[in-house]
Amino acid sequence: MPTISMFRGIKVCIYWKDHMPPHFHAFYGGSEVIVSIDELEVMEGEMASKQLKMLLGWAAFHQEELRENWELARAQQELFAIEPLR
């Protein structure tokens, strides 16, 4: 499970050859969410409201890079890091 970004205690990952639809996993403390890349909506899980808002804002800004990494992961190619939230 490659980590593609880390910021403010949130770790963002995309699994190799994961199931559709395109999505990423984010971890904060003991919580995990799965977020749709196209819709930028939580598909599964829960996360503290403040961190979830930061995560979704970051994802909106980097949506195209998330899509590119998703395609690389599906093809089992090396993923690239995405700039963290500053």
PDB file of N, CA and C in Angstrom:
ATOM      1  N   MET A   1       0.846  -1.170   0.000  1.00  0.00           N
ATOM      2  CA  MET A   1       0.000   0.000   0.000  1.00  0.00           C
ATOM      3  C   MET A   1       0.897   1.242   0.000  1.00  0.00           C
ATOM      4  N   PRO A   2       1.141   1.814  -1.151  1.00  0.00           N
ATOM      5  CA  PRO A   2       1.994   3.005  -1.224  1.00  0.00           C
ATOM      6  C   PRO A   2       1.346   4.237  -0.592  1.00  0.00           C
ATOM      7  N   THR A   3       2.116   4.919   0.229  1.00  0.00           N
ATOM      8  CA  THR A   3       1.687   6.190   0.800  1.00  0.00           C
ATOM      9  C   THR A   3       2.050   7.279  -0.198  1.00  0.00           C
ATOM     10  N   ILE A   4       1.057   8.072  -0.615  1.00  0.00           N
ATOM     11  CA  ILE A   4       1.319   9.104  -1.614  1.00  0.00           C
ATOM     12  C   ILE A   4       1.393  10.498  -1.017  1.00  0.00           C
ATOM     13  N   SER A   5       0.910  10.668   0.223  1.00  0.00           N
ATOM     14  CA  SER A   5       1.016  11.966   0.877  1.00  0.00           C
ATOM     15  C   SER A   5       0.770  11.799   2.376  1.00  0.00           C
ATOM     16  N   MET A   6       1.394  12.688   3.145  1.00  0.00           N
ATOM     17  CA  MET A   6       1.176  12.730   4.593  1.00  0.00           C
ATOM     18  C   MET A   6       1.166  14.187   5.023  1.00  0.00           C
ATOM     19  N   PHE A   7       0.158  14.567   5.792  1.00  0.00           N
ATOM     20  CA  PHE A   7       0.076  15.928   6.308  1.00  0.00           C
ATOM     21  C   PHE A   7      -0.821  15.965   7.533  1.00  0.00           C
ATOM     22  N   ARG A   8      -0.410  16.754   8.513  1.00  0.00           N
ATOM     23  CA  ARG A   8      -1.182  16.998   9.733  1.00  0.00           C
ATOM     24  C   ARG A   8      -1.752  15.733  10.367  1.00  0.00           C
ATOM     25  N   GLY A   9      -0.936  14.678  10.368  1.00  0.00           N
ATOM     26  CA  GLY A   9      -1.333  13.414  10.974  1.00  0.00           C
ATOM     27  C   GLY A   9      -2.173  12.519  10.081  1.00  0.00           C
ATOM     28  N   ILE A  10      -2.457  12.941   8.860  1.00  0.00           N
ATOM     29  CA  ILE A  10      -3.260  12.165   7.909  1.00  0.00           C
ATOM     30  C   ILE A  10      -2.325  11.492   6.914  1.00  0.00           C
ATOM     31  N   LYS A  11      -2.521  10.205   6.700  1.00  0.00           N
ATOM     32  CA  LYS A  11      -1.745   9.442   5.725  1.00  0.00           C
ATOM     33  C   LYS A  11      -2.679   9.039   4.587  1.00  0.00           C
ATOM     34  N   VAL A  12      -2.276   9.338   3.339  1.00  0.00           N
ATOM     35  CA  VAL A  12      -3.095   9.052   2.162  1.00  0.00           C
ATOM     36  C   VAL A  12      -2.408   7.955   1.348  1.00  0.00           C
ATOM     37  N   CYS A  13      -3.165   6.904   1.028  1.00  0.00           N
ATOM     38  CA  CYS A  13      -2.611   5.743   0.328  1.00  0.00           C
ATOM     39  C   CYS A  13      -3.530   5.311  -0.814  1.00  0.00           C
ATOM     40  N   ILE A  14      -2.921   4.669  -1.789  1.00  0.00           N
ATOM     41  CA  ILE A  14      -3.674   3.993  -2.848  1.00  0.00           C
ATOM     42  C   ILE A  14      -3.113   2.577  -2.941  1.00  0.00           C
ATOM     43  N   TYR A  15      -3.996   1.591  -2.884  1.00  0.00           N
ATOM     44  CA  TYR A  15      -3.581   0.195  -2.954  1.00  0.00           C
ATOM     45  C   TYR A  15      -3.318  -0.220  -4.401  1.00  0.00           C
ATOM     46  N   TRP A  16      -2.378  -1.148  -4.583  1.00  0.00           N
ATOM     47  CA  TRP A  16      -2.116  -1.710  -5.904  1.00  0.00           C
ATOM     48  C   TRP A  16      -3.334  -2.512  -6.360  1.00  0.00           C
ATOM     49  N   LYS A  17      -3.710  -2.353  -7.617  1.00  0.00           N
ATOM     50  CA  LYS A  17      -4.786  -3.143  -8.245  1.00  0.00           C
ATOM     51  C   LYS A  17      -6.052  -3.203  -7.396  1.00  0.00           C
ATOM     52  N   ASP A  18      -6.450  -2.092  -6.821  1.00  0.00           N
ATOM     53  CA  ASP A  18      -7.636  -2.043  -5.959  1.00  0.00           C
ATOM     54  C   ASP A  18      -8.906  -2.074  -6.821  1.00  0.00           C
ATOM     55  N   HIS A  19     -10.035  -2.333  -6.180  1.00  0.00           N
ATOM     56  CA  HIS A  19     -11.327  -2.441  -6.858  1.00  0.00           C
ATOM     57  C   HIS A  19     -11.822  -1.068  -7.323  1.00  0.00           C
ATOM     58  N   MET A  20     -12.717  -1.065  -8.275  1.00  0.00           N
ATOM     59  CA  MET A  20     -13.356   0.151  -8.757  1.00  0.00           C
ATOM     60  C   MET A  20     -14.445   0.555  -7.765  1.00  0.00           C
ATOM     61  N   PRO A  21     -14.900   1.776  -7.739  1.00  0.00           N
ATOM     62  CA  PRO A  21     -14.475   2.927  -8.533  1.00  0.00           C
ATOM     63  C   PRO A  21     -13.154   3.493  -7.998  1.00  0.00           C
ATOM     64  N   PRO A  22     -12.520   4.392  -8.767  1.00  0.00           N
ATOM     65  CA  PRO A  22     -11.264   4.996  -8.322  1.00  0.00           C
ATOM     66  C   PRO A  22     -11.424   5.655  -6.956  1.00  0.00           C
ATOM     67  N   HIS A  23     -10.510   5.343  -6.040  1.00  0.00           N
ATOM     68  CA  HIS A  23     -10.603   5.865  -4.685  1.00  0.00           C
ATOM     69  C   HIS A  23      -9.240   5.831  -4.013  1.00  0.00           C
ATOM     70  N   PHE A  24      -9.164   6.492  -2.864  1.00  0.00           N
ATOM     71  CA  PHE A  24      -7.967   6.413  -2.046  1.00  0.00           C
ATOM     72  C   PHE A  24      -8.378   6.163  -0.601  1.00  0.00           C
ATOM     73  N   HIS A  25      -7.419   5.709   0.187  1.00  0.00           N
ATOM     74  CA  HIS A  25      -7.625   5.447   1.601  1.00  0.00           C
ATOM     75  C   HIS A  25      -6.894   6.530   2.384  1.00  0.00           C
ATOM     76  N   ALA A  26      -7.490   7.003   3.455  1.00  0.00           N
ATOM     77  CA  ALA A  26      -6.841   7.986   4.318  1.00  0.00           C
ATOM     78  C   ALA A  26      -6.981   7.530   5.763  1.00  0.00           C
ATOM     79  N   PHE A  27      -5.903   7.687   6.513  1.00  0.00           N
ATOM     80  CA  PHE A  27      -5.837   7.243   7.895  1.00  0.00           C
ATOM     81  C   PHE A  27      -5.501   8.429   8.797  1.00  0.00           C
ATOM     82  N   TYR A  28      -6.187   8.499   9.910  1.00  0.00           N
ATOM     83  CA  TYR A  28      -5.892   9.518  10.920  1.00  0.00           C
ATOM     84  C   TYR A  28      -6.158   8.896  12.279  1.00  0.00           C
ATOM     85  N   GLY A  29      -5.123   8.833  13.112  1.00  0.00           N
ATOM     86  CA  GLY A  29      -5.285   8.162  14.398  1.00  0.00           C
ATOM     87  C   GLY A  29      -5.716   6.724  14.161  1.00  0.00           C
ATOM     88  N   GLY A  30      -6.787   6.319  14.765  1.00  0.00           N
ATOM     89  CA  GLY A  30      -7.303   4.968  14.573  1.00  0.00           C
ATOM     90  C   GLY A  30      -8.415   4.885  13.549  1.00  0.00           C
ATOM     91  N   SER A  31      -8.656   5.961  12.812  1.00  0.00           N
ATOM     92  CA  SER A  31      -9.773   5.958  11.862  1.00  0.00           C
ATOM     93  C   SER A  31      -9.277   5.849  10.419  1.00  0.00           C
ATOM     94  N   GLU A  32     -10.166   5.375   9.562  1.00  0.00           N
ATOM     95  CA  GLU A  32      -9.872   5.241   8.130  1.00  0.00           C
ATOM     96  C   GLU A  32     -11.105   5.631   7.331  1.00  0.00           C
ATOM     97  N   VAL A  33     -10.892   6.331   6.229  1.00  0.00           N
ATOM     98  CA  VAL A  33     -11.955   6.596   5.265  1.00  0.00           C
ATOM     99  C   VAL A  33     -11.484   6.169   3.887  1.00  0.00           C
ATOM    100  N   ILE A  34     -12.440   5.785   3.077  1.00  0.00           N
ATOM    101  CA  ILE A  34     -12.198   5.510   1.661  1.00  0.00           C
ATOM    102  C   ILE A  34     -12.959   6.585   0.909  1.00  0.00           C
ATOM    103  N   VAL A  35     -12.239   7.332   0.049  1.00  0.00           N
ATOM    104  CA  VAL A  35     -12.810   8.491  -0.617  1.00  0.00           C
ATOM    105  C   VAL A  35     -12.786   8.282  -2.132  1.00  0.00           C
ATOM    106  N   SER A  36     -13.930   8.487  -2.771  1.00  0.00           N
ATOM    107  CA  SER A  36     -14.044   8.424  -4.221  1.00  0.00           C
ATOM    108  C   SER A  36     -13.250   9.572  -4.835  1.00  0.00           C
ATOM    109  N   ILE A  37     -12.402   9.260  -5.807  1.00  0.00           N
ATOM    110  CA  ILE A  37     -11.608  10.304  -6.459  1.00  0.00           C
ATOM    111  C   ILE A  37     -12.490  11.168  -7.358  1.00  0.00           C
ATOM    112  N   ASP A  38     -13.419  10.566  -8.062  1.00  0.00           N
ATOM    113  CA  ASP A  38     -14.255  11.335  -8.985  1.00  0.00           C
ATOM    114  C   ASP A  38     -15.277  12.199  -8.270  1.00  0.00           C
ATOM    115  N   GLU A  39     -15.903  11.675  -7.240  1.00  0.00           N
ATOM    116  CA  GLU A  39     -16.972  12.389  -6.529  1.00  0.00           C
ATOM    117  C   GLU A  39     -16.470  13.158  -5.306  1.00  0.00           C
ATOM    118  N   LEU A  40     -15.263  12.794  -4.833  1.00  0.00           N
ATOM    119  CA  LEU A  40     -14.706  13.367  -3.600  1.00  0.00           C
ATOM    120  C   LEU A  40     -15.694  13.246  -2.443  1.00  0.00           C
ATOM    121  N   GLU A  41     -16.243  12.039  -2.318  1.00  0.00           N
ATOM    122  CA  GLU A  41     -17.169  11.718  -1.243  1.00  0.00           C
ATOM    123  C   GLU A  41     -16.669  10.493  -0.497  1.00  0.00           C
ATOM    124  N   VAL A  42     -16.948  10.448   0.800  1.00  0.00           N
ATOM    125  CA  VAL A  42     -16.574   9.294   1.602  1.00  0.00           C
ATOM    126  C   VAL A  42     -17.448   8.108   1.202  1.00  0.00           C
ATOM    127  N   MET A  43     -16.795   7.027   0.797  1.00  0.00           N
ATOM    128  CA  MET A  43     -17.503   5.807   0.421  1.00  0.00           C
ATOM    129  C   MET A  43     -17.688   4.893   1.630  1.00  0.00           C
ATOM    130  N   GLU A  44     -16.686   4.904   2.528  1.00  0.00           N
ATOM    131  CA  GLU A  44     -16.710   4.056   3.720  1.00  0.00           C
ATOM    132  C   GLU A  44     -15.899   4.708   4.815  1.00  0.00           C
ATOM    133  N   GLY A  45     -16.261   4.415   6.044  1.00  0.00           N
ATOM    134  CA  GLY A  45     -15.468   4.827   7.186  1.00  0.00           C
ATOM    135  C   GLY A  45     -15.837   6.180   7.742  1.00  0.00           C
ATOM    136  N   GLU A  46     -15.092   6.563   8.777  1.00  0.00           N
ATOM    137  CA  GLU A  46     -15.322   7.833   9.470  1.00  0.00           C
ATOM    138  C   GLU A  46     -13.991   8.439   9.861  1.00  0.00           C
ATOM    139  N   MET A  47     -13.994   9.752   9.983  1.00  0.00           N
ATOM    140  CA  MET A  47     -12.816  10.497  10.416  1.00  0.00           C
ATOM    141  C   MET A  47     -13.320  11.761  11.097  1.00  0.00           C
ATOM    142  N   ALA A  48     -12.540  12.274  12.030  1.00  0.00           N
ATOM    143  CA  ALA A  48     -12.914  13.512  12.711  1.00  0.00           C
ATOM    144  C   ALA A  48     -13.227  14.600  11.686  1.00  0.00           C
ATOM    145  N   SER A  49     -14.256  15.378  11.960  1.00  0.00           N
ATOM    146  CA  SER A  49     -14.772  16.372  11.016  1.00  0.00           C
ATOM    147  C   SER A  49     -13.698  17.337  10.508  1.00  0.00           C
ATOM    148  N   LYS A  50     -12.888  17.861  11.412  1.00  0.00           N
ATOM    149  CA  LYS A  50     -11.856  18.828  11.027  1.00  0.00           C
ATOM    150  C   LYS A  50     -10.857  18.206  10.054  1.00  0.00           C
ATOM    151  N   GLN A  51     -10.397  17.000  10.352  1.00  0.00           N
ATOM    152  CA  GLN A  51      -9.431  16.328   9.479  1.00  0.00           C
ATOM    153  C   GLN A  51     -10.076  15.928   8.155  1.00  0.00           C
ATOM    154  N   LEU A  52     -11.325  15.509   8.193  1.00  0.00           N
ATOM    155  CA  LEU A  52     -12.009  15.139   6.963  1.00  0.00           C
ATOM    156  C   LEU A  52     -12.156  16.344   6.037  1.00  0.00           C
ATOM    157  N   LYS A  53     -12.492  17.497   6.584  1.00  0.00           N
ATOM    158  CA  LYS A  53     -12.602  18.712   5.767  1.00  0.00           C
ATOM    159  C   LYS A  53     -11.264  19.072   5.135  1.00  0.00           C
ATOM    160  N   MET A  54     -10.178  18.969   5.916  1.00  0.00           N
ATOM    161  CA  MET A  54      -8.840  19.230   5.367  1.00  0.00           C
ATOM    162  C   MET A  54      -8.518  18.242   4.253  1.00  0.00           C
ATOM    163  N   LEU A  55      -8.819  16.967   4.496  1.00  0.00           N
ATOM    164  CA  LEU A  55      -8.539  15.915   3.516  1.00  0.00           C
ATOM    165  C   LEU A  55      -9.290  16.163   2.216  1.00  0.00           C
ATOM    166  N   LEU A  56     -10.580  16.452   2.299  1.00  0.00           N
ATOM    167  CA  LEU A  56     -11.382  16.656   1.094  1.00  0.00           C
ATOM    168  C   LEU A  56     -10.956  17.914   0.347  1.00  0.00           C
ATOM    169  N   GLY A  57     -10.564  18.966   1.070  1.00  0.00           N
ATOM    170  CA  GLY A  57     -10.051  20.164   0.421  1.00  0.00           C
ATOM    171  C   GLY A  57      -8.754  19.879  -0.319  1.00  0.00           C
ATOM    172  N   TRP A  58      -7.857  19.131   0.324  1.00  0.00           N
ATOM    173  CA  TRP A  58      -6.596  18.724  -0.311  1.00  0.00           C
ATOM    174  C   TRP A  58      -6.883  17.890  -1.549  1.00  0.00           C
ATOM    175  N   ALA A  59      -7.807  16.939  -1.436  1.00  0.00           N
ATOM    176  CA  ALA A  59      -8.130  16.045  -2.550  1.00  0.00           C
ATOM    177  C   ALA A  59      -8.704  16.823  -3.731  1.00  0.00           C
ATOM    178  N   ALA A  60      -9.523  17.818  -3.480  1.00  0.00           N
ATOM    179  CA  ALA A  60     -10.092  18.631  -4.569  1.00  0.00           C
ATOM    180  C   ALA A  60      -8.981  19.359  -5.318  1.00  0.00           C
ATOM    181  N   PHE A  61      -8.008  19.859  -4.585  1.00  0.00           N
ATOM    182  CA  PHE A  61      -6.896  20.585  -5.193  1.00  0.00           C
ATOM    183  C   PHE A  61      -5.998  19.646  -5.995  1.00  0.00           C
ATOM    184  N   HIS A  62      -5.907  18.370  -5.603  1.00  0.00           N
ATOM    185  CA  HIS A  62      -4.992  17.400  -6.237  1.00  0.00           C
ATOM    186  C   HIS A  62      -5.744  16.270  -6.952  1.00  0.00           C
ATOM    187  N   GLN A  63      -6.966  16.531  -7.351  1.00  0.00           N
ATOM    188  CA  GLN A  63      -7.806  15.480  -7.932  1.00  0.00           C
ATOM    189  C   GLN A  63      -7.178  14.834  -9.172  1.00  0.00           C
ATOM    190  N   GLU A  64      -6.607  15.621 -10.057  1.00  0.00           N
ATOM    191  CA  GLU A  64      -6.010  15.054 -11.271  1.00  0.00           C
ATOM    192  C   GLU A  64      -4.805  14.176 -10.928  1.00  0.00           C
ATOM    193  N   GLU A  65      -4.006  14.590  -9.962  1.00  0.00           N
ATOM    194  CA  GLU A  65      -2.858  13.779  -9.549  1.00  0.00           C
ATOM    195  C   GLU A  65      -3.326  12.474  -8.896  1.00  0.00           C
ATOM    196  N   LEU A  66      -4.410  12.535  -8.153  1.00  0.00           N
ATOM    197  CA  LEU A  66      -4.975  11.316  -7.572  1.00  0.00           C
ATOM    198  C   LEU A  66      -5.436  10.360  -8.664  1.00  0.00           C
ATOM    199  N   ARG A  67      -6.078  10.895  -9.701  1.00  0.00           N
ATOM    200  CA  ARG A  67      -6.503  10.050 -10.830  1.00  0.00           C
ATOM    201  C   ARG A  67      -5.302   9.393 -11.505  1.00  0.00           C
ATOM    202  N   GLU A  68      -4.243  10.172 -11.721  1.00  0.00           N
ATOM    203  CA  GLU A  68      -3.041   9.631 -12.361  1.00  0.00           C
ATOM    204  C   GLU A  68      -2.429   8.523 -11.508  1.00  0.00           C
ATOM    205  N   ASN A  69      -2.336   8.731 -10.213  1.00  0.00           N
ATOM    206  CA  ASN A  69      -1.801   7.694  -9.327  1.00  0.00           C
ATOM    207  C   ASN A  69      -2.687   6.460  -9.315  1.00  0.00           C
ATOM    208  N   TRP A  70      -4.005   6.656  -9.378  1.00  0.00           N
ATOM    209  CA  TRP A  70      -4.925   5.512  -9.415  1.00  0.00           C
ATOM    210  C   TRP A  70      -4.620   4.641 -10.639  1.00  0.00           C
ATOM    211  N   GLU A  71      -4.451   5.267 -11.791  1.00  0.00           N
ATOM    212  CA  GLU A  71      -4.152   4.521 -13.020  1.00  0.00           C
ATOM    213  C   GLU A  71      -2.806   3.805 -12.917  1.00  0.00           C
ATOM    214  N   LEU A  72      -1.826   4.451 -12.334  1.00  0.00           N
ATOM    215  CA  LEU A  72      -0.529   3.806 -12.134  1.00  0.00           C
ATOM    216  C   LEU A  72      -0.659   2.596 -11.215  1.00  0.00           C
ATOM    217  N   ALA A  73      -1.413   2.743 -10.137  1.00  0.00           N
ATOM    218  CA  ALA A  73      -1.601   1.636  -9.196  1.00  0.00           C
ATOM    219  C   ALA A  73      -2.323   0.467  -9.861  1.00  0.00           C
ATOM    220  N   ARG A  74      -3.311   0.762 -10.662  1.00  0.00           N
ATOM    221  CA  ARG A  74      -4.044  -0.304 -11.365  1.00  0.00           C
ATOM    222  C   ARG A  74      -3.115  -1.083 -12.295  1.00  0.00           C
ATOM    223  N   ALA A  75      -2.118  -0.392 -12.849  1.00  0.00           N
ATOM    224  CA  ALA A  75      -1.154  -1.025 -13.751  1.00  0.00           C
ATOM    225  C   ALA A  75       0.069  -1.548 -12.990  1.00  0.00           C
ATOM    226  N   GLN A  76       0.036  -1.494 -11.669  1.00  0.00           N
ATOM    227  CA  GLN A  76       1.125  -1.919 -10.791  1.00  0.00           C
ATOM    228  C   GLN A  76       2.441  -1.209 -11.119  1.00  0.00           C
ATOM    229  N   GLN A  77       2.337   0.078 -11.389  1.00  0.00           N
ATOM    230  CA  GLN A  77       3.519   0.891 -11.633  1.00  0.00           C
ATOM    231  C   GLN A  77       3.781   1.756 -10.408  1.00  0.00           C
ATOM    232  N   GLU A  78       4.985   2.314 -10.348  1.00  0.00           N
ATOM    233  CA  GLU A  78       5.367   3.130  -9.201  1.00  0.00           C
ATOM    234  C   GLU A  78       4.524   4.401  -9.131  1.00  0.00           C
ATOM    235  N   LEU A  79       4.038   4.713  -7.933  1.00  0.00           N
ATOM    236  CA  LEU A  79       3.247   5.916  -7.726  1.00  0.00           C
ATOM    237  C   LEU A  79       4.156   7.081  -7.363  1.00  0.00           C
ATOM    238  N   PHE A  80       3.672   8.284  -7.558  1.00  0.00           N
ATOM    239  CA  PHE A  80       4.455   9.467  -7.210  1.00  0.00           C
ATOM    240  C   PHE A  80       3.815  10.165  -6.003  1.00  0.00           C
ATOM    241  N   ALA A  81       4.652  10.871  -5.265  1.00  0.00           N
ATOM    242  CA  ALA A  81       4.182  11.610  -4.091  1.00  0.00           C
ATOM    243  C   ALA A  81       3.400  12.836  -4.542  1.00  0.00           C
ATOM    244  N   ILE A  82       2.383  13.172  -3.763  1.00  0.00           N
ATOM    245  CA  ILE A  82       1.592  14.372  -4.005  1.00  0.00           C
ATOM    246  C   ILE A  82       1.878  15.343  -2.867  1.00  0.00           C
ATOM    247  N   GLU A  83       2.071  16.599  -3.215  1.00  0.00           N
ATOM    248  CA  GLU A  83       2.420  17.621  -2.236  1.00  0.00           C
ATOM    249  C   GLU A  83       1.401  17.645  -1.095  1.00  0.00           C
ATOM    250  N   PRO A  84       1.890  17.673   0.133  1.00  0.00           N
ATOM    251  CA  PRO A  84       0.979  17.690   1.287  1.00  0.00           C
ATOM    252  C   PRO A  84       0.314  19.063   1.452  1.00  0.00           C
ATOM    253  N   LEU A  85      -0.710  19.074   2.267  1.00  0.00           N
ATOM    254  CA  LEU A  85      -1.379  20.315   2.640  1.00  0.00           C
ATOM    255  C   LEU A  85      -0.430  21.149   3.485  1.00  0.00           C
ATOM    256  N   ARG A  86      -0.330  22.416   3.187  1.00  0.00           N
ATOM    257  CA  ARG A  86       0.592  23.298   3.926  1.00  0.00           C
ATOM    258  C   ARG A  86      -0.169  24.213   4.840  1.00  0.00           C
TER     259      ARG A  86
END
